[in-house]
Amino acid sequence: MTRLTTRDWAALVLVIVGGLNWGLIGLFSFDLVAAIFGTMSWLARLVYLLVAASALHLAYLAPKLSRGEHH
């Protein structure tokens, strides 16, 4: 069985948050991250960058998980 690290779980949570935020943008033109942290404030930009980095991490991790290689 493949075990996820804390970093893997954090990446998964951030990608889910990012996906939900994009869903809100698409459905209601409402950017929750901007509403919480301010439009393109440094905190909002940090959240967007962390979501993007998490997506890259999961894109790298997914093939390994499918082969059961992750430790």
C-alpha atoms as a PDB file:
ATOM      1  CA  MET A   1       0.000   0.000   0.000  1.00  0.00           C
ATOM      2  CA  THR A   2       1.264   3.443  -0.911  1.00  0.00           C
ATOM      3  CA  ARG A   3       1.424   5.991   1.902  1.00  0.00           C
ATOM      4  CA  LEU A   4       1.077   9.708   1.324  1.00  0.00           C
ATOM      5  CA  THR A   5       3.397  12.100   3.113  1.00  0.00           C
ATOM      6  CA  THR A   6       2.297  15.260   4.877  1.00  0.00           C
ATOM      7  CA  ARG A   7       3.496  17.227   1.844  1.00  0.00           C
ATOM      8  CA  ASP A   8       1.380  15.032  -0.450  1.00  0.00           C
ATOM      9  CA  TRP A   9      -1.727  15.603   1.700  1.00  0.00           C
ATOM     10  CA  ALA A  10      -1.069  19.359   1.822  1.00  0.00           C
ATOM     11  CA  ALA A  11      -0.751  19.412  -1.965  1.00  0.00           C
ATOM     12  CA  LEU A  12      -3.979  17.471  -2.328  1.00  0.00           C
ATOM     13  CA  VAL A  13      -5.873  19.850  -0.028  1.00  0.00           C
ATOM     14  CA  LEU A  14      -4.517  22.916  -1.843  1.00  0.00           C
ATOM     15  CA  VAL A  15      -5.468  21.536  -5.254  1.00  0.00           C
ATOM     16  CA  ILE A  16      -8.981  20.797  -3.977  1.00  0.00           C
ATOM     17  CA  VAL A  17      -9.227  24.352  -2.602  1.00  0.00           C
ATOM     18  CA  GLY A  18      -8.010  25.688  -5.948  1.00  0.00           C
ATOM     19  CA  GLY A  19     -10.514  23.558  -7.844  1.00  0.00           C
ATOM     20  CA  LEU A  20     -13.368  24.720  -5.651  1.00  0.00           C
ATOM     21  CA  ASN A  21     -12.265  28.334  -6.094  1.00  0.00           C
ATOM     22  CA  TRP A  22     -12.250  27.907  -9.884  1.00  0.00           C
ATOM     23  CA  GLY A  23     -15.700  26.350  -9.653  1.00  0.00           C
ATOM     24  CA  LEU A  24     -16.959  29.398  -7.765  1.00  0.00           C
ATOM     25  CA  ILE A  25     -15.382  31.666 -10.367  1.00  0.00           C
ATOM     26  CA  GLY A  26     -16.984  29.706 -13.208  1.00  0.00           C
ATOM     27  CA  LEU A  27     -20.423  29.438 -11.656  1.00  0.00           C
ATOM     28  CA  PHE A  28     -20.795  32.742  -9.845  1.00  0.00           C
ATOM     29  CA  SER A  29     -17.872  34.968 -10.921  1.00  0.00           C
ATOM     30  CA  PHE A  30     -16.835  34.889  -7.253  1.00  0.00           C
ATOM     31  CA  ASP A  31     -13.168  34.499  -6.319  1.00  0.00           C
ATOM     32  CA  LEU A  32     -13.137  33.275  -2.711  1.00  0.00           C
ATOM     33  CA  VAL A  33      -9.371  33.681  -2.346  1.00  0.00           C
ATOM     34  CA  ALA A  34      -9.575  37.311  -3.448  1.00  0.00           C
ATOM     35  CA  ALA A  35     -12.576  37.876  -1.189  1.00  0.00           C
ATOM     36  CA  ILE A  36     -10.652  36.572   1.830  1.00  0.00           C
ATOM     37  CA  PHE A  37      -7.178  37.983   1.161  1.00  0.00           C
ATOM     38  CA  GLY A  38      -7.828  40.901  -1.219  1.00  0.00           C
ATOM     39  CA  THR A  39      -7.602  41.086  -4.979  1.00  0.00           C
ATOM     40  CA  MET A  40      -4.057  40.142  -5.943  1.00  0.00           C
ATOM     41  CA  SER A  41      -2.699  40.955  -2.479  1.00  0.00           C
ATOM     42  CA  TRP A  42       0.557  39.233  -1.598  1.00  0.00           C
ATOM     43  CA  LEU A  43      -1.411  36.660   0.445  1.00  0.00           C
ATOM     44  CA  ALA A  44      -3.769  35.902  -2.427  1.00  0.00           C
ATOM     45  CA  ARG A  45      -0.807  35.585  -4.797  1.00  0.00           C
ATOM     46  CA  LEU A  46       0.875  33.247  -2.313  1.00  0.00           C
ATOM     47  CA  VAL A  47      -2.227  31.043  -2.204  1.00  0.00           C
ATOM     48  CA  TYR A  48      -2.375  30.938  -6.016  1.00  0.00           C
ATOM     49  CA  LEU A  49       1.335  30.053  -6.196  1.00  0.00           C
ATOM     50  CA  LEU A  50       0.955  27.319  -3.568  1.00  0.00           C
ATOM     51  CA  VAL A  51      -1.993  25.851  -5.474  1.00  0.00           C
ATOM     52  CA  ALA A  52       0.040  25.860  -8.695  1.00  0.00           C
ATOM     53  CA  ALA A  53       3.057  24.261  -6.981  1.00  0.00           C
ATOM     54  CA  SER A  54       0.733  21.659  -5.464  1.00  0.00           C
ATOM     55  CA  ALA A  55      -0.712  20.839  -8.873  1.00  0.00           C
ATOM     56  CA  LEU A  56       2.801  20.322 -10.242  1.00  0.00           C
ATOM     57  CA  HIS A  57       3.674  18.113  -7.268  1.00  0.00           C
ATOM     58  CA  LEU A  58       0.574  15.961  -7.790  1.00  0.00           C
ATOM     59  CA  ALA A  59       1.231  15.760 -11.544  1.00  0.00           C
ATOM     60  CA  TYR A  60       4.696  14.394 -10.694  1.00  0.00           C
ATOM     61  CA  LEU A  61       3.315  12.088  -7.992  1.00  0.00           C
ATOM     62  CA  ALA A  62       0.349  10.605  -9.883  1.00  0.00           C
ATOM     63  CA  PRO A  63       2.306   8.247 -12.177  1.00  0.00           C
ATOM     64  CA  LYS A  64       4.329   6.980  -9.202  1.00  0.00           C
ATOM     65  CA  LEU A  65       1.167   6.327  -7.203  1.00  0.00           C
ATOM     66  CA  SER A  66      -0.385   4.425 -10.089  1.00  0.00           C
ATOM     67  CA  ARG A  67       2.680   2.152 -10.164  1.00  0.00           C
ATOM     68  CA  GLY A  68       2.864   1.908  -6.355  1.00  0.00           C
ATOM     69  CA  GLU A  69       6.368   3.430  -6.232  1.00  0.00           C
ATOM     70  CA  HIS A  70       5.829   6.288  -3.776  1.00  0.00           C
ATOM     71  CA  HIS A  71       7.402   6.078  -0.304  1.00  0.00           C
END
